[in-house]
Every structure is written in C-alpha cells, then in structure tokens.
Amino acid sequence: MMKKKLRVVAAIIENNEQEIFCALRSQQMSLPNLWEFPGGKVEQNEDIFVALEREIKEEFNCRIVTDDVIFAKTTHDYDSFIIDLIAIKATLIDKEPVLTEHAQYIWLKRDNLLSLNWAPADIPIVEKLRTEKNRH
C-alpha cells in the first residue's frame, strides 16, 4: 500500500527578543505531546504562503505575514504517512496567539530549542535554526 504523502507548511515565527514560537501538540492531535513549528496541510493548488497564513489563523486565531522564502524543507517517513515539511519564516502582525487545538505554546531562544521533545519532522529545522549565522 502506498503511503499518503502530505505537503505541510510550518511557520518559524520570531519575536523582537529573537525567540521562536513553539507549539505543543495536544492529546487529540496525531503525534500528541510533541512540539512543532505550527502550520498544516497545503490544499490542492494552494500557494504555500497563503496556506501557512490560513493555517495559523485557524489554529491560533492570529495573523502572520510570511517572508516569501522557504527557510528549510524536510521529508520524514512516519508509520502511516510521509510528510514533506516546508518551513517558512513569519512575523506575527497582531495579537498574541490563542490556543484552539494545541495544548500550549512557548517562546524560546534558539539555544534552548533542543530542550523540547520535537516531532521528528521538525528536528532538522531546529538544527538549522540553531546553526543560523546571520540573525538580525
């Protein structure tokens, strides 16, 4: 049986203190109790940047603006599906996020990202963020 391949976008949202937004998947979600960069599935023929803005609005009831650049791409083979994860940097443009699906969220400095138990697909992105040189 062919595994389903999911195209997923993830937001790397950074605040003014250079902390990164990390979200904890709830018990009701697949991969429960693992941390992730939030986002979701890209619909057929949907622009990835539009998809990310839509997903963050749905999941956290807040708005982001994306950099029109892909920060990282990673593929992970889970038991029942394969995920193509596209990470995109974004900025929060209005209020603080509100939890609707996730159990909690925190803002963390890059150096502390590894203290969390990440979903496997997100780990290469964590590594790339930690080694990023040209931070603004």
Protein backbone atom coordinates (compact mmCIF):
# COMPACT_ATOMS: atom_id res chain seq x y z
CA MET A 1 0.00 0.00 0.00
CA MET A 2 1.33 3.40 -0.92
CA LYS A 3 1.73 5.73 2.00
CA LYS A 4 -0.08 9.01 1.79
CA LYS A 5 2.26 11.92 1.19
CA LEU A 6 1.32 15.14 2.95
CA ARG A 7 2.58 18.55 1.95
CA VAL A 8 2.74 20.59 5.12
CA VAL A 9 3.84 24.15 5.83
CA ALA A 10 5.30 25.23 9.16
CA ALA A 11 5.80 28.74 10.50
CA ILE A 12 9.02 29.87 12.12
CA ILE A 13 7.67 32.87 13.98
CA GLU A 14 10.24 35.03 15.70
CA ASN A 15 9.54 37.86 18.12
CA ASN A 16 11.55 41.00 18.85
CA GLU A 17 13.53 39.22 21.56
CA GLN A 18 14.70 36.70 18.92
CA GLU A 19 12.61 33.97 20.49
CA ILE A 20 10.89 31.36 18.37
CA PHE A 21 7.28 30.25 18.68
CA CYS A 22 6.95 26.56 19.59
CA ALA A 23 3.61 24.74 19.87
CA LEU A 24 2.80 21.55 21.77
CA ARG A 25 0.50 19.09 20.00
CA SER A 26 -2.45 18.14 22.18
CA GLN A 27 -3.73 14.67 23.12
CA GLN A 28 -6.42 14.97 20.43
CA MET A 29 -3.94 15.52 17.60
CA SER A 30 -1.83 12.97 15.78
CA LEU A 31 1.71 12.86 17.26
CA PRO A 32 0.39 14.00 20.67
CA ASN A 33 2.67 15.68 23.22
CA LEU A 34 5.33 16.53 20.67
CA TRP A 35 6.46 20.07 19.94
CA GLU A 36 6.29 21.53 16.47
CA PHE A 37 6.53 24.67 14.41
CA PRO A 38 2.83 25.26 13.79
CA GLY A 39 1.16 25.10 10.41
CA GLY A 40 -0.71 22.49 8.46
CA LYS A 41 -1.58 20.83 5.20
CA VAL A 42 -1.42 22.68 1.91
CA GLU A 43 -4.65 22.27 -0.06
CA GLN A 44 -4.50 21.25 -3.70
CA ASN A 45 -3.29 24.14 -5.90
CA GLU A 46 -2.91 26.38 -2.84
CA ASP A 47 0.04 28.74 -2.60
CA ILE A 48 2.27 27.63 0.29
CA PHE A 49 2.50 31.12 1.78
CA VAL A 50 -1.28 31.58 1.63
CA ALA A 51 -1.69 28.11 3.16
CA LEU A 52 0.54 29.00 6.09
CA GLU A 53 -1.27 32.25 6.83
CA ARG A 54 -4.61 30.39 6.67
CA GLU A 55 -3.45 27.58 8.98
CA ILE A 56 -2.06 29.94 11.64
CA LYS A 57 -5.31 31.93 11.53
CA GLU A 58 -7.28 28.69 12.02
CA GLU A 59 -5.07 27.22 14.74
CA PHE A 60 -4.11 30.31 16.74
CA ASN A 61 -6.62 32.98 15.73
CA CYS A 62 -3.88 35.45 14.87
CA ARG A 63 -2.34 36.82 11.72
CA ILE A 64 1.15 36.41 10.37
CA VAL A 65 2.99 37.81 7.41
CA THR A 66 5.46 35.46 5.77
CA ASP A 67 8.85 36.01 4.20
CA ASP A 68 8.37 34.86 0.62
CA VAL A 69 11.28 32.48 1.07
CA ILE A 70 11.50 28.85 2.08
CA PHE A 71 13.74 28.53 5.14
CA ALA A 72 14.02 24.74 5.07
CA LYS A 73 12.47 21.65 3.51
CA THR A 74 12.49 18.28 5.15
CA THR A 75 10.85 14.92 4.49
CA HIS A 76 10.02 12.44 7.22
CA ASP A 77 8.62 8.95 6.89
CA TYR A 78 6.16 8.30 9.73
CA ASP A 79 4.49 4.92 10.25
CA SER A 80 1.35 5.70 8.31
CA PHE A 81 2.30 8.65 6.09
CA ILE A 82 5.18 10.64 4.64
CA ILE A 83 5.41 14.33 5.36
CA ASP A 84 7.08 16.93 3.16
CA LEU A 85 7.57 19.79 5.57
CA ILE A 86 8.21 23.29 4.25
CA ALA A 87 9.36 25.76 6.90
CA ILE A 88 8.77 29.45 6.26
CA LYS A 89 9.78 32.37 8.44
CA ALA A 90 6.94 34.61 9.51
CA THR A 91 6.15 37.54 11.75
CA LEU A 92 3.15 37.94 14.00
CA ILE A 93 1.29 41.07 12.93
CA ASP A 94 -1.36 41.41 15.55
CA LYS A 95 -2.29 39.91 18.89
CA GLU A 96 -0.73 37.03 20.79
CA PRO A 97 -1.70 33.58 19.53
CA VAL A 98 -4.74 31.88 21.09
CA LEU A 99 -4.73 28.12 21.59
CA THR A 100 -7.54 26.33 19.74
CA GLU A 101 -6.02 22.90 19.03
CA HIS A 102 -2.62 22.82 20.70
CA ALA A 103 -2.03 22.13 24.40
CA GLN A 104 0.35 25.04 24.95
CA TYR A 105 2.94 27.24 23.35
CA ILE A 106 6.14 28.93 24.41
CA TRP A 107 8.66 31.37 23.00
CA LEU A 108 12.21 30.04 23.19
CA LYS A 109 15.66 31.29 22.30
CA ARG A 110 17.42 29.25 19.60
CA ASP A 111 19.91 27.84 22.08
CA ASN A 112 17.09 26.35 24.18
CA LEU A 113 15.11 24.75 21.36
CA LEU A 114 16.63 21.33 21.95
CA SER A 115 15.18 21.25 25.47
CA LEU A 116 11.82 20.31 23.91
CA ASN A 117 10.66 16.92 22.66
CA TRP A 118 10.14 17.72 18.96
CA ALA A 119 8.12 15.89 16.32
CA PRO A 120 10.71 14.06 14.19
CA ALA A 121 9.99 16.04 11.01
CA ASP A 122 10.72 19.32 12.83
CA ILE A 123 14.14 18.32 14.20
CA PRO A 124 16.18 19.23 11.08
CA ILE A 125 14.56 22.68 11.19
CA VAL A 126 15.51 23.06 14.86
CA GLU A 127 19.10 22.16 13.94
CA LYS A 128 19.15 24.66 11.09
CA LEU A 129 17.81 27.42 13.34
CA ARG A 130 20.43 26.69 15.98
CA THR A 131 23.27 26.99 13.50
CA GLU A 132 21.90 30.01 11.66
CA LYS A 133 24.59 32.64 11.47
CA ASN A 134 23.08 35.81 10.08
CA ARG A 135 20.41 36.59 12.64
CA HIS A 136 19.04 40.09 12.52
